[in-house]
Amino acid sequence: LFPAGMYFLFQKPTDANIFIILYGMTSVYFAGVMVRLMLVVAPVACIMGAVAVSATLKTYMRPLASTKSSRKGGVAIPREVALFVVAGVSFLLCMYVYHCTWVTSEAYSSPSIVLSAKQ
């Protein structure tokens, strides 16, 4: 979602968006130079992903919220397509939360980690 977030941030270049773009580009560069700096990429990758998901949901929630089937100055999105995209994105986000919870419980709750820390 990092590239999609970058795309949406370039659409409206405000001071905050330019800061996030520069932070993202420099952190990706330094993470490419040294693998340990992947921790620097994590916050900006989350921000860019959130921007991408928010912009996508904002685009496809508009036809669901309005009673008219067409928008002024843009392409009309059918309600069925909008509903399918919103449901799909919501399902993927729920599956991501489930996956993160499962990975955390498997990786950090293992007795071998606790036992190795005592030694």
PDB file of N, CA and C in Angstrom:
ATOM      1  N   LEU A   1       0.802  -1.203   0.000  1.00  0.00           N
ATOM      2  CA  LEU A   1       0.000   0.000   0.000  1.00  0.00           C
ATOM      3  C   LEU A   1       0.847   1.271   0.000  1.00  0.00           C
ATOM      4  N   PHE A   2       2.156   1.096   0.213  1.00  0.00           N
ATOM      5  CA  PHE A   2       3.052   2.245   0.229  1.00  0.00           C
ATOM      6  C   PHE A   2       2.990   3.043  -1.080  1.00  0.00           C
ATOM      7  N   PRO A   3       3.115   2.384  -2.261  1.00  0.00           N
ATOM      8  CA  PRO A   3       3.048   3.161  -3.510  1.00  0.00           C
ATOM      9  C   PRO A   3       1.693   3.829  -3.742  1.00  0.00           C
ATOM     10  N   ALA A   4       0.613   3.173  -3.359  1.00  0.00           N
ATOM     11  CA  ALA A   4      -0.711   3.775  -3.514  1.00  0.00           C
ATOM     12  C   ALA A   4      -0.854   5.006  -2.620  1.00  0.00           C
ATOM     13  N   GLY A   5      -0.346   4.913  -1.405  1.00  0.00           N
ATOM     14  CA  GLY A   5      -0.360   6.073  -0.514  1.00  0.00           C
ATOM     15  C   GLY A   5       0.477   7.211  -1.066  1.00  0.00           C
ATOM     16  N   MET A   6       1.612   6.867  -1.663  1.00  0.00           N
ATOM     17  CA  MET A   6       2.454   7.889  -2.290  1.00  0.00           C
ATOM     18  C   MET A   6       1.703   8.578  -3.427  1.00  0.00           C
ATOM     19  N   TYR A   7       0.983   7.804  -4.214  1.00  0.00           N
ATOM     20  CA  TYR A   7       0.206   8.359  -5.319  1.00  0.00           C
ATOM     21  C   TYR A   7      -0.851   9.338  -4.805  1.00  0.00           C
ATOM     22  N   PHE A   8      -1.591   8.940  -3.779  1.00  0.00           N
ATOM     23  CA  PHE A   8      -2.639   9.810  -3.257  1.00  0.00           C
ATOM     24  C   PHE A   8      -2.067  11.062  -2.593  1.00  0.00           C
ATOM     25  N   LEU A   9      -0.882  10.955  -1.992  1.00  0.00           N
ATOM     26  CA  LEU A   9      -0.275  12.135  -1.388  1.00  0.00           C
ATOM     27  C   LEU A   9       0.212  13.120  -2.445  1.00  0.00           C
ATOM     28  N   PHE A  10       0.657  12.603  -3.590  1.00  0.00           N
ATOM     29  CA  PHE A  10       1.078  13.496  -4.672  1.00  0.00           C
ATOM     30  C   PHE A  10      -0.110  14.205  -5.322  1.00  0.00           C
ATOM     31  N   GLN A  11      -1.318  13.713  -5.120  1.00  0.00           N
ATOM     32  CA  GLN A  11      -2.493  14.355  -5.702  1.00  0.00           C
ATOM     33  C   GLN A  11      -2.767  15.728  -5.087  1.00  0.00           C
ATOM     34  N   LYS A  12      -2.543  15.867  -3.771  1.00  0.00           N
ATOM     35  CA  LYS A  12      -2.741  17.146  -3.083  1.00  0.00           C
ATOM     36  C   LYS A  12      -1.461  17.513  -2.331  1.00  0.00           C
ATOM     37  N   PRO A  13      -0.552  18.241  -2.959  1.00  0.00           N
ATOM     38  CA  PRO A  13       0.729  18.536  -2.299  1.00  0.00           C
ATOM     39  C   PRO A  13       0.612  19.674  -1.274  1.00  0.00           C
ATOM     40  N   THR A  14       0.283  19.334  -0.048  1.00  0.00           N
ATOM     41  CA  THR A  14       0.299  20.299   1.050  1.00  0.00           C
ATOM     42  C   THR A  14       1.614  20.135   1.799  1.00  0.00           C
ATOM     43  N   ASP A  15       1.851  20.986   2.784  1.00  0.00           N
ATOM     44  CA  ASP A  15       3.085  20.887   3.555  1.00  0.00           C
ATOM     45  C   ASP A  15       3.182  19.543   4.281  1.00  0.00           C
ATOM     46  N   ALA A  16       2.072  19.102   4.861  1.00  0.00           N
ATOM     47  CA  ALA A  16       2.068  17.825   5.581  1.00  0.00           C
ATOM     48  C   ALA A  16       2.300  16.653   4.623  1.00  0.00           C
ATOM     49  N   ASN A  17       1.669  16.701   3.467  1.00  0.00           N
ATOM     50  CA  ASN A  17       1.848  15.622   2.494  1.00  0.00           C
ATOM     51  C   ASN A  17       3.272  15.568   1.965  1.00  0.00           C
ATOM     52  N   ILE A  18       3.869  16.732   1.715  1.00  0.00           N
ATOM     53  CA  ILE A  18       5.254  16.760   1.240  1.00  0.00           C
ATOM     54  C   ILE A  18       6.194  16.229   2.311  1.00  0.00           C
ATOM     55  N   PHE A  19       5.924  16.538   3.574  1.00  0.00           N
ATOM     56  CA  PHE A  19       6.744  15.994   4.661  1.00  0.00           C
ATOM     57  C   PHE A  19       6.671  14.467   4.692  1.00  0.00           C
ATOM     58  N   ILE A  20       5.470  13.916   4.567  1.00  0.00           N
ATOM     59  CA  ILE A  20       5.318  12.456   4.588  1.00  0.00           C
ATOM     60  C   ILE A  20       5.992  11.833   3.365  1.00  0.00           C
ATOM     61  N   ILE A  21       5.882  12.478   2.209  1.00  0.00           N
ATOM     62  CA  ILE A  21       6.543  11.968   1.002  1.00  0.00           C
ATOM     63  C   ILE A  21       8.060  11.940   1.195  1.00  0.00           C
ATOM     64  N   LEU A  22       8.630  13.041   1.700  1.00  0.00           N
ATOM     65  CA  LEU A  22      10.076  13.082   1.923  1.00  0.00           C
ATOM     66  C   LEU A  22      10.515  12.082   2.982  1.00  0.00           C
ATOM     67  N   TYR A  23       9.737  11.965   4.052  1.00  0.00           N
ATOM     68  CA  TYR A  23      10.040  10.982   5.089  1.00  0.00           C
ATOM     69  C   TYR A  23      10.010   9.566   4.515  1.00  0.00           C
ATOM     70  N   GLY A  24       9.018   9.292   3.682  1.00  0.00           N
ATOM     71  CA  GLY A  24       8.917   7.970   3.071  1.00  0.00           C
ATOM     72  C   GLY A  24      10.070   7.670   2.135  1.00  0.00           C
ATOM     73  N   MET A  25      10.412   8.622   1.289  1.00  0.00           N
ATOM     74  CA  MET A  25      11.487   8.386   0.324  1.00  0.00           C
ATOM     75  C   MET A  25      12.842   8.220   1.010  1.00  0.00           C
ATOM     76  N   THR A  26      13.130   9.064   2.005  1.00  0.00           N
ATOM     77  CA  THR A  26      14.418   8.931   2.693  1.00  0.00           C
ATOM     78  C   THR A  26      14.481   7.655   3.530  1.00  0.00           C
ATOM     79  N   SER A  27      13.386   7.280   4.154  1.00  0.00           N
ATOM     80  CA  SER A  27      13.420   6.053   4.955  1.00  0.00           C
ATOM     81  C   SER A  27      13.547   4.816   4.075  1.00  0.00           C
ATOM     82  N   VAL A  28      12.923   4.821   2.904  1.00  0.00           N
ATOM     83  CA  VAL A  28      13.088   3.690   1.986  1.00  0.00           C
ATOM     84  C   VAL A  28      14.522   3.623   1.492  1.00  0.00           C
ATOM     85  N   TYR A  29      15.131   4.766   1.205  1.00  0.00           N
ATOM     86  CA  TYR A  29      16.521   4.781   0.758  1.00  0.00           C
ATOM     87  C   TYR A  29      17.439   4.221   1.833  1.00  0.00           C
ATOM     88  N   PHE A  30      17.319   4.713   3.069  1.00  0.00           N
ATOM     89  CA  PHE A  30      18.208   4.267   4.126  1.00  0.00           C
ATOM     90  C   PHE A  30      17.944   2.817   4.520  1.00  0.00           C
ATOM     91  N   ALA A  31      16.709   2.363   4.395  1.00  0.00           N
ATOM     92  CA  ALA A  31      16.428   0.948   4.665  1.00  0.00           C
ATOM     93  C   ALA A  31      17.038   0.075   3.581  1.00  0.00           C
ATOM     94  N   GLY A  32      17.122   0.582   2.362  1.00  0.00           N
ATOM     95  CA  GLY A  32      17.787  -0.165   1.297  1.00  0.00           C
ATOM     96  C   GLY A  32      19.287  -0.235   1.498  1.00  0.00           C
ATOM     97  N   VAL A  33      19.860   0.782   2.129  1.00  0.00           N
ATOM     98  CA  VAL A  33      21.297   0.807   2.382  1.00  0.00           C
ATOM     99  C   VAL A  33      21.661  -0.139   3.519  1.00  0.00           C
ATOM    100  N   MET A  34      20.846  -0.141   4.571  1.00  0.00           N
ATOM    101  CA  MET A  34      21.120  -0.992   5.731  1.00  0.00           C
ATOM    102  C   MET A  34      19.825  -1.645   6.185  1.00  0.00           C
ATOM    103  N   VAL A  35      19.828  -2.963   6.253  1.00  0.00           N
ATOM    104  CA  VAL A  35      18.609  -3.716   6.559  1.00  0.00           C
ATOM    105  C   VAL A  35      18.078  -3.404   7.952  1.00  0.00           C
ATOM    106  N   ARG A  36      18.944  -3.077   8.880  1.00  0.00           N
ATOM    107  CA  ARG A  36      18.482  -2.777  10.235  1.00  0.00           C
ATOM    108  C   ARG A  36      17.586  -1.550  10.282  1.00  0.00           C
ATOM    109  N   LEU A  37      17.677  -0.711   9.287  1.00  0.00           N
ATOM    110  CA  LEU A  37      16.873   0.499   9.271  1.00  0.00           C
ATOM    111  C   LEU A  37      15.459   0.268   8.750  1.00  0.00           C
ATOM    112  N   MET A  38      15.052  -0.987   8.635  1.00  0.00           N
ATOM    113  CA  MET A  38      13.661  -1.285   8.283  1.00  0.00           C
ATOM    114  C   MET A  38      12.714  -0.753   9.352  1.00  0.00           C
ATOM    115  N   LEU A  39      13.210  -0.590  10.571  1.00  0.00           N
ATOM    116  CA  LEU A  39      12.382  -0.016  11.636  1.00  0.00           C
ATOM    117  C   LEU A  39      12.039   1.441  11.349  1.00  0.00           C
ATOM    118  N   VAL A  40      12.863   2.107  10.546  1.00  0.00           N
ATOM    119  CA  VAL A  40      12.585   3.489  10.175  1.00  0.00           C
ATOM    120  C   VAL A  40      11.447   3.547   9.157  1.00  0.00           C
ATOM    121  N   VAL A  41      11.313   2.512   8.339  1.00  0.00           N
ATOM    122  CA  VAL A  41      10.287   2.481   7.296  1.00  0.00           C
ATOM    123  C   VAL A  41       8.914   2.154   7.872  1.00  0.00           C
ATOM    124  N   ALA A  42       8.855   1.401   8.946  1.00  0.00           N
ATOM    125  CA  ALA A  42       7.580   0.905   9.470  1.00  0.00           C
ATOM    126  C   ALA A  42       6.557   2.004   9.757  1.00  0.00           C
ATOM    127  N   PRO A  43       6.899   3.089  10.457  1.00  0.00           N
ATOM    128  CA  PRO A  43       5.864   4.107  10.720  1.00  0.00           C
ATOM    129  C   PRO A  43       5.339   4.778   9.461  1.00  0.00           C
ATOM    130  N   VAL A  44       6.223   5.125   8.543  1.00  0.00           N
ATOM    131  CA  VAL A  44       5.774   5.807   7.337  1.00  0.00           C
ATOM    132  C   VAL A  44       5.037   4.849   6.409  1.00  0.00           C
ATOM    133  N   ALA A  45       5.372   3.579   6.438  1.00  0.00           N
ATOM    134  CA  ALA A  45       4.622   2.605   5.643  1.00  0.00           C
ATOM    135  C   ALA A  45       3.196   2.478   6.173  1.00  0.00           C
ATOM    136  N   CYS A  46       3.032   2.522   7.484  1.00  0.00           N
ATOM    137  CA  CYS A  46       1.681   2.497   8.065  1.00  0.00           C
ATOM    138  C   CYS A  46       0.898   3.745   7.695  1.00  0.00           C
ATOM    139  N   ILE A  47       1.563   4.890   7.722  1.00  0.00           N
ATOM    140  CA  ILE A  47       0.883   6.142   7.365  1.00  0.00           C
ATOM    141  C   ILE A  47       0.463   6.127   5.909  1.00  0.00           C
ATOM    142  N   MET A  48       1.365   5.693   5.018  1.00  0.00           N
ATOM    143  CA  MET A  48       1.043   5.659   3.586  1.00  0.00           C
ATOM    144  C   MET A  48      -0.075   4.653   3.304  1.00  0.00           C
ATOM    145  N   GLY A  49      -0.037   3.514   3.981  1.00  0.00           N
ATOM    146  CA  GLY A  49      -1.105   2.534   3.811  1.00  0.00           C
ATOM    147  C   GLY A  49      -2.443   3.068   4.278  1.00  0.00           C
ATOM    148  N   ALA A  50      -2.425   3.800   5.383  1.00  0.00           N
ATOM    149  CA  ALA A  50      -3.665   4.394   5.888  1.00  0.00           C
ATOM    150  C   ALA A  50      -4.209   5.447   4.930  1.00  0.00           C
ATOM    151  N   VAL A  51      -3.326   6.210   4.318  1.00  0.00           N
ATOM    152  CA  VAL A  51      -3.757   7.215   3.339  1.00  0.00           C
ATOM    153  C   VAL A  51      -4.406   6.528   2.141  1.00  0.00           C
ATOM    154  N   ALA A  52      -3.798   5.432   1.676  1.00  0.00           N
ATOM    155  CA  ALA A  52      -4.339   4.707   0.517  1.00  0.00           C
ATOM    156  C   ALA A  52      -5.709   4.101   0.819  1.00  0.00           C
ATOM    157  N   VAL A  53      -5.837   3.462   1.976  1.00  0.00           N
ATOM    158  CA  VAL A  53      -7.122   2.850   2.338  1.00  0.00           C
ATOM    159  C   VAL A  53      -8.184   3.926   2.544  1.00  0.00           C
ATOM    160  N   SER A  54      -7.813   5.028   3.194  1.00  0.00           N
ATOM    161  CA  SER A  54      -8.765   6.108   3.444  1.00  0.00           C
ATOM    162  C   SER A  54      -9.245   6.740   2.144  1.00  0.00           C
ATOM    163  N   ALA A  55      -8.335   6.987   1.224  1.00  0.00           N
ATOM    164  CA  ALA A  55      -8.733   7.599  -0.054  1.00  0.00           C
ATOM    165  C   ALA A  55      -9.606   6.651  -0.873  1.00  0.00           C
ATOM    166  N   THR A  56      -9.289   5.363  -0.842  1.00  0.00           N
ATOM    167  CA  THR A  56     -10.094   4.397  -1.575  1.00  0.00           C
ATOM    168  C   THR A  56     -11.493   4.291  -0.991  1.00  0.00           C
ATOM    169  N   LEU A  57     -11.578   4.192   0.329  1.00  0.00           N
ATOM    170  CA  LEU A  57     -12.893   4.095   0.953  1.00  0.00           C
ATOM    171  C   LEU A  57     -13.695   5.388   0.786  1.00  0.00           C
ATOM    172  N   LYS A  58     -13.028   6.538   0.821  1.00  0.00           N
ATOM    173  CA  LYS A  58     -13.737   7.797   0.623  1.00  0.00           C
ATOM    174  C   LYS A  58     -14.337   7.866  -0.774  1.00  0.00           C
ATOM    175  N   THR A  59     -13.587   7.391  -1.764  1.00  0.00           N
ATOM    176  CA  THR A  59     -14.069   7.415  -3.144  1.00  0.00           C
ATOM    177  C   THR A  59     -15.284   6.513  -3.326  1.00  0.00           C
ATOM    178  N   TYR A  60     -15.235   5.316  -2.740  1.00  0.00           N
ATOM    179  CA  TYR A  60     -16.302   4.350  -2.970  1.00  0.00           C
ATOM    180  C   TYR A  60     -17.439   4.433  -1.957  1.00  0.00           C
ATOM    181  N   MET A  61     -17.274   5.169  -0.880  1.00  0.00           N
ATOM    182  CA  MET A  61     -18.375   5.355   0.070  1.00  0.00           C
ATOM    183  C   MET A  61     -19.319   6.462  -0.379  1.00  0.00           C
ATOM    184  N   ARG A  62     -18.831   7.373  -1.203  1.00  0.00           N
ATOM    185  CA  ARG A  62     -19.657   8.488  -1.670  1.00  0.00           C
ATOM    186  C   ARG A  62     -20.914   8.019  -2.404  1.00  0.00           C
ATOM    187  N   PRO A  63     -20.825   7.066  -3.349  1.00  0.00           N
ATOM    188  CA  PRO A  63     -22.064   6.613  -4.020  1.00  0.00           C
ATOM    189  C   PRO A  63     -23.019   5.883  -3.078  1.00  0.00           C
ATOM    190  N   LEU A  64     -22.487   5.246  -2.039  1.00  0.00           N
ATOM    191  CA  LEU A  64     -23.358   4.542  -1.094  1.00  0.00           C
ATOM    192  C   LEU A  64     -24.104   5.513  -0.186  1.00  0.00           C
ATOM    193  N   ALA A  65     -23.492   6.652   0.096  1.00  0.00           N
ATOM    194  CA  ALA A  65     -24.111   7.615   0.998  1.00  0.00           C
ATOM    195  C   ALA A  65     -25.129   8.504   0.295  1.00  0.00           C
ATOM    196  N   SER A  66     -24.960   8.713  -1.001  1.00  0.00           N
ATOM    197  CA  SER A  66     -25.875   9.607  -1.706  1.00  0.00           C
ATOM    198  C   SER A  66     -27.049   8.828  -2.291  1.00  0.00           C
ATOM    199  N   THR A  67     -28.159   9.541  -2.463  1.00  0.00           N
ATOM    200  CA  THR A  67     -29.335   8.909  -3.062  1.00  0.00           C
ATOM    201  C   THR A  67     -29.309   9.011  -4.572  1.00  0.00           C
ATOM    202  N   LYS A  68     -28.534   9.941  -5.112  1.00  0.00           N
ATOM    203  CA  LYS A  68     -28.430  10.087  -6.561  1.00  0.00           C
ATOM    204  C   LYS A  68     -27.426   9.069  -7.097  1.00  0.00           C
ATOM    205  N   SER A  69     -27.616   8.655  -8.341  1.00  0.00           N
ATOM    206  CA  SER A  69     -26.723   7.658  -8.925  1.00  0.00           C
ATOM    207  C   SER A  69     -25.550   8.285  -9.659  1.00  0.00           C
ATOM    208  N   SER A  70     -25.550   9.602  -9.854  1.00  0.00           N
ATOM    209  CA  SER A  70     -24.445  10.235 -10.573  1.00  0.00           C
ATOM    210  C   SER A  70     -23.879  11.386  -9.754  1.00  0.00           C
ATOM    211  N   ARG A  71     -22.598  11.658 -10.021  1.00  0.00           N
ATOM    212  CA  ARG A  71     -21.925  12.760  -9.355  1.00  0.00           C
ATOM    213  C   ARG A  71     -21.668  13.861 -10.367  1.00  0.00           C
ATOM    214  N   LYS A  72     -21.597  15.094  -9.877  1.00  0.00           N
ATOM    215  CA  LYS A  72     -21.273  16.207 -10.761  1.00  0.00           C
ATOM    216  C   LYS A  72     -19.756  16.264 -10.947  1.00  0.00           C
ATOM    217  N   GLY A  73     -19.324  16.423 -12.167  1.00  0.00           N
ATOM    218  CA  GLY A  73     -17.903  16.596 -12.453  1.00  0.00           C
ATOM    219  C   GLY A  73     -17.076  15.336 -12.321  1.00  0.00           C
ATOM    220  N   GLY A  74     -17.657  14.185 -12.380  1.00  0.00           N
ATOM    221  CA  GLY A  74     -16.894  12.960 -12.262  1.00  0.00           C
ATOM    222  C   GLY A  74     -17.606  11.793 -12.894  1.00  0.00           C
ATOM    223  N   VAL A  75     -16.965  10.664 -12.857  1.00  0.00           N
ATOM    224  CA  VAL A  75     -17.549   9.448 -13.419  1.00  0.00           C
ATOM    225  C   VAL A  75     -18.480   8.840 -12.383  1.00  0.00           C
ATOM    226  N   ALA A  76     -19.651   8.436 -12.808  1.00  0.00           N
ATOM    227  CA  ALA A  76     -20.612   7.813 -11.899  1.00  0.00           C
ATOM    228  C   ALA A  76     -20.174   6.382 -11.597  1.00  0.00           C
ATOM    229  N   ILE A  77     -20.143   6.057 -10.323  1.00  0.00           N
ATOM    230  CA  ILE A  77     -19.788   4.706  -9.892  1.00  0.00           C
ATOM    231  C   ILE A  77     -21.077   4.008  -9.494  1.00  0.00           C
ATOM    232  N   PRO A  78     -21.359   2.857 -10.086  1.00  0.00           N
ATOM    233  CA  PRO A  78     -22.580   2.134  -9.702  1.00  0.00           C
ATOM    234  C   PRO A  78     -22.540   1.716  -8.234  1.00  0.00           C
ATOM    235  N   ARG A  79     -23.704   1.718  -7.616  1.00  0.00           N
ATOM    236  CA  ARG A  79     -23.778   1.364  -6.189  1.00  0.00           C
ATOM    237  C   ARG A  79     -23.295  -0.052  -5.917  1.00  0.00           C
ATOM    238  N   GLU A  80     -23.555  -0.975  -6.851  1.00  0.00           N
ATOM    239  CA  GLU A  80     -23.137  -2.363  -6.659  1.00  0.00           C
ATOM    240  C   GLU A  80     -21.619  -2.483  -6.652  1.00  0.00           C
ATOM    241  N   VAL A  81     -20.969  -1.756  -7.543  1.00  0.00           N
ATOM    242  CA  VAL A  81     -19.497  -1.774  -7.591  1.00  0.00           C
ATOM    243  C   VAL A  81     -18.934  -1.156  -6.319  1.00  0.00           C
ATOM    244  N   ALA A  82     -19.516  -0.039  -5.897  1.00  0.00           N
ATOM    245  CA  ALA A  82     -19.056   0.614  -4.673  1.00  0.00           C
ATOM    246  C   ALA A  82     -19.238  -0.301  -3.465  1.00  0.00           C
ATOM    247  N   LEU A  83     -20.366  -0.970  -3.390  1.00  0.00           N
ATOM    248  CA  LEU A  83     -20.616  -1.893  -2.284  1.00  0.00           C
ATOM    249  C   LEU A  83     -19.624  -3.053  -2.297  1.00  0.00           C
ATOM    250  N   PHE A  84     -19.331  -3.576  -3.473  1.00  0.00           N
ATOM    251  CA  PHE A  84     -18.376  -4.679  -3.602  1.00  0.00           C
ATOM    252  C   PHE A  84     -16.979  -4.248  -3.158  1.00  0.00           C
ATOM    253  N   VAL A  85     -16.540  -3.061  -3.570  1.00  0.00           N
ATOM    254  CA  VAL A  85     -15.201  -2.579  -3.202  1.00  0.00           C
ATOM    255  C   VAL A  85     -15.116  -2.311  -1.701  1.00  0.00           C
ATOM    256  N   VAL A  86     -16.119  -1.665  -1.138  1.00  0.00           N
ATOM    257  CA  VAL A  86     -16.109  -1.375   0.301  1.00  0.00           C
ATOM    258  C   VAL A  86     -16.138  -2.670   1.110  1.00  0.00           C
ATOM    259  N   ALA A  87     -16.952  -3.629   0.703  1.00  0.00           N
ATOM    260  CA  ALA A  87     -16.996  -4.915   1.404  1.00  0.00           C
ATOM    261  C   ALA A  87     -15.667  -5.655   1.263  1.00  0.00           C
ATOM    262  N   GLY A  88     -15.069  -5.599   0.085  1.00  0.00           N
ATOM    263  CA  GLY A  88     -13.781  -6.262  -0.119  1.00  0.00           C
ATOM    264  C   GLY A  88     -12.672  -5.661   0.716  1.00  0.00           C
ATOM    265  N   VAL A  89     -12.594  -4.347   0.757  1.00  0.00           N
ATOM    266  CA  VAL A  89     -11.566  -3.678   1.560  1.00  0.00           C
ATOM    267  C   VAL A  89     -11.805  -3.954   3.045  1.00  0.00           C
ATOM    268  N   SER A  90     -13.055  -3.909   3.481  1.00  0.00           N
ATOM    269  CA  SER A  90     -13.368  -4.205   4.880  1.00  0.00           C
ATOM    270  C   SER A  90     -12.994  -5.635   5.242  1.00  0.00           C
ATOM    271  N   PHE A  91     -13.276  -6.580   4.348  1.00  0.00           N
ATOM    272  CA  PHE A  91     -12.907  -7.973   4.595  1.00  0.00           C
ATOM    273  C   PHE A  91     -11.392  -8.128   4.693  1.00  0.00           C
ATOM    274  N   LEU A  92     -10.652  -7.492   3.784  1.00  0.00           N
ATOM    275  CA  LEU A  92      -9.193  -7.582   3.822  1.00  0.00           C
ATOM    276  C   LEU A  92      -8.627  -6.967   5.098  1.00  0.00           C
ATOM    277  N   LEU A  93      -9.199  -5.858   5.558  1.00  0.00           N
ATOM    278  CA  LEU A  93      -8.728  -5.256   6.799  1.00  0.00           C
ATOM    279  C   LEU A  93      -9.020  -6.140   8.010  1.00  0.00           C
ATOM    280  N   CYS A  94     -10.185  -6.777   8.025  1.00  0.00           N
ATOM    281  CA  CYS A  94     -10.506  -7.698   9.125  1.00  0.00           C
ATOM    282  C   CYS A  94      -9.586  -8.912   9.111  1.00  0.00           C
ATOM    283  N   MET A  95      -9.294  -9.436   7.931  1.00  0.00           N
ATOM    284  CA  MET A  95      -8.377 -10.578   7.835  1.00  0.00           C
ATOM    285  C   MET A  95      -6.959 -10.184   8.256  1.00  0.00           C
ATOM    286  N   TYR A  96      -6.576  -8.955   7.980  1.00  0.00           N
ATOM    287  CA  TYR A  96      -5.256  -8.478   8.397  1.00  0.00           C
ATOM    288  C   TYR A  96      -5.164  -8.416   9.924  1.00  0.00           C
ATOM    289  N   VAL A  97      -6.213  -7.929  10.571  1.00  0.00           N
ATOM    290  CA  VAL A  97      -6.229  -7.893  12.037  1.00  0.00           C
ATOM    291  C   VAL A  97      -6.160  -9.305  12.600  1.00  0.00           C
ATOM    292  N   TYR A  98      -6.923 -10.228  12.029  1.00  0.00           N
ATOM    293  CA  TYR A  98      -6.886 -11.626  12.479  1.00  0.00           C
ATOM    294  C   TYR A  98      -5.487 -12.215  12.297  1.00  0.00           C
ATOM    295  N   HIS A  99      -4.869 -11.962  11.146  1.00  0.00           N
ATOM    296  CA  HIS A  99      -3.534 -12.498  10.871  1.00  0.00           C
ATOM    297  C   HIS A  99      -2.507 -11.930  11.849  1.00  0.00           C
ATOM    298  N   CYS A 100      -2.566 -10.624  12.108  1.00  0.00           N
ATOM    299  CA  CYS A 100      -1.612 -10.013  13.036  1.00  0.00           C
ATOM    300  C   CYS A 100      -1.773 -10.565  14.446  1.00  0.00           C
ATOM    301  N   THR A 101      -3.009 -10.787  14.858  1.00  0.00           N
ATOM    302  CA  THR A 101      -3.256 -11.358  16.178  1.00  0.00           C
ATOM    303  C   THR A 101      -2.721 -12.776  16.266  1.00  0.00           C
ATOM    304  N   TRP A 102      -2.928 -13.564  15.227  1.00  0.00           N
ATOM    305  CA  TRP A 102      -2.444 -14.941  15.221  1.00  0.00           C
ATOM    306  C   TRP A 102      -0.919 -14.989  15.232  1.00  0.00           C
ATOM    307  N   VAL A 103      -0.273 -14.166  14.412  1.00  0.00           N
ATOM    308  CA  VAL A 103       1.196 -14.159  14.355  1.00  0.00           C
ATOM    309  C   VAL A 103       1.773 -13.732  15.692  1.00  0.00           C
ATOM    310  N   THR A 104       1.164 -12.733  16.307  1.00  0.00           N
ATOM    311  CA  THR A 104       1.648 -12.278  17.603  1.00  0.00           C
ATOM    312  C   THR A 104       1.505 -13.358  18.656  1.00  0.00           C
ATOM    313  N   SER A 105       0.398 -14.053  18.656  1.00  0.00           N
ATOM    314  CA  SER A 105       0.211 -15.109  19.655  1.00  0.00           C
ATOM    315  C   SER A 105       1.165 -16.272  19.418  1.00  0.00           C
ATOM    316  N   GLU A 106       1.473 -16.568  18.167  1.00  0.00           N
ATOM    317  CA  GLU A 106       2.397 -17.667  17.874  1.00  0.00           C
ATOM    318  C   GLU A 106       3.850 -17.279  18.123  1.00  0.00           C
ATOM    319  N   ALA A 107       4.232 -16.082  17.763  1.00  0.00           N
ATOM    320  CA  ALA A 107       5.641 -15.693  17.839  1.00  0.00           C
ATOM    321  C   ALA A 107       6.065 -15.263  19.241  1.00  0.00           C
ATOM    322  N   TYR A 108       5.214 -14.570  19.957  1.00  0.00           N
ATOM    323  CA  TYR A 108       5.622 -13.983  21.223  1.00  0.00           C
ATOM    324  C   TYR A 108       5.055 -14.687  22.444  1.00  0.00           C
ATOM    325  N   SER A 109       4.235 -15.693  22.263  1.00  0.00           N
ATOM    326  CA  SER A 109       3.676 -16.401  23.407  1.00  0.00           C
ATOM    327  C   SER A 109       4.223 -17.818  23.525  1.00  0.00           C
ATOM    328  N   SER A 110       5.247 -18.100  22.782  1.00  0.00           N
ATOM    329  CA  SER A 110       5.809 -19.439  22.802  1.00  0.00           C
ATOM    330  C   SER A 110       6.557 -19.693  24.119  1.00  0.00           C
ATOM    331  N   PRO A 111       6.376 -20.861  24.713  1.00  0.00           N
ATOM    332  CA  PRO A 111       7.090 -21.164  25.945  1.00  0.00           C
ATOM    333  C   PRO A 111       8.612 -21.209  25.753  1.00  0.00           C
ATOM    334  N   SER A 112       9.072 -21.519  24.539  1.00  0.00           N
ATOM    335  CA  SER A 112      10.512 -21.586  24.313  1.00  0.00           C
ATOM    336  C   SER A 112      11.165 -20.213  24.476  1.00  0.00           C
ATOM    337  N   ILE A 113      10.452 -19.145  24.130  1.00  0.00           N
ATOM    338  CA  ILE A 113      10.998 -17.810  24.321  1.00  0.00           C
ATOM    339  C   ILE A 113      11.090 -17.482  25.800  1.00  0.00           C
ATOM    340  N   VAL A 114      10.053 -17.843  26.546  1.00  0.00           N
ATOM    341  CA  VAL A 114      10.054 -17.578  27.979  1.00  0.00           C
ATOM    342  C   VAL A 114      11.122 -18.402  28.679  1.00  0.00           C
ATOM    343  N   LEU A 115      11.248 -19.654  28.300  1.00  0.00           N
ATOM    344  CA  LEU A 115      12.240 -20.524  28.934  1.00  0.00           C
ATOM    345  C   LEU A 115      13.658 -20.102  28.569  1.00  0.00           C
ATOM    346  N   SER A 116      13.888 -19.658  27.354  1.00  0.00           N
ATOM    347  CA  SER A 116      15.234 -19.227  26.979  1.00  0.00           C
ATOM    348  C   SER A 116      15.605 -17.911  27.652  1.00  0.00           C
ATOM    349  N   ALA A 117      14.646 -17.109  28.007  1.00  0.00           N
ATOM    350  CA  ALA A 117      14.941 -15.844  28.688  1.00  0.00           C
ATOM    351  C   ALA A 117      15.338 -16.082  30.143  1.00  0.00           C
ATOM    352  N   LYS A 118      14.873 -17.177  30.738  1.00  0.00           N
ATOM    353  CA  LYS A 118      15.210 -17.466  32.127  1.00  0.00           C
ATOM    354  C   LYS A 118      16.633 -17.983  32.285  1.00  0.00           C
ATOM    355  N   GLN A 119      17.184 -18.510  31.221  1.00  0.00           N
ATOM    356  CA  GLN A 119      18.525 -19.104  31.329  1.00  0.00           C
ATOM    357  C   GLN A 119      19.617 -18.106  31.214  1.00  0.00           C
TER     358      GLN A 119
END
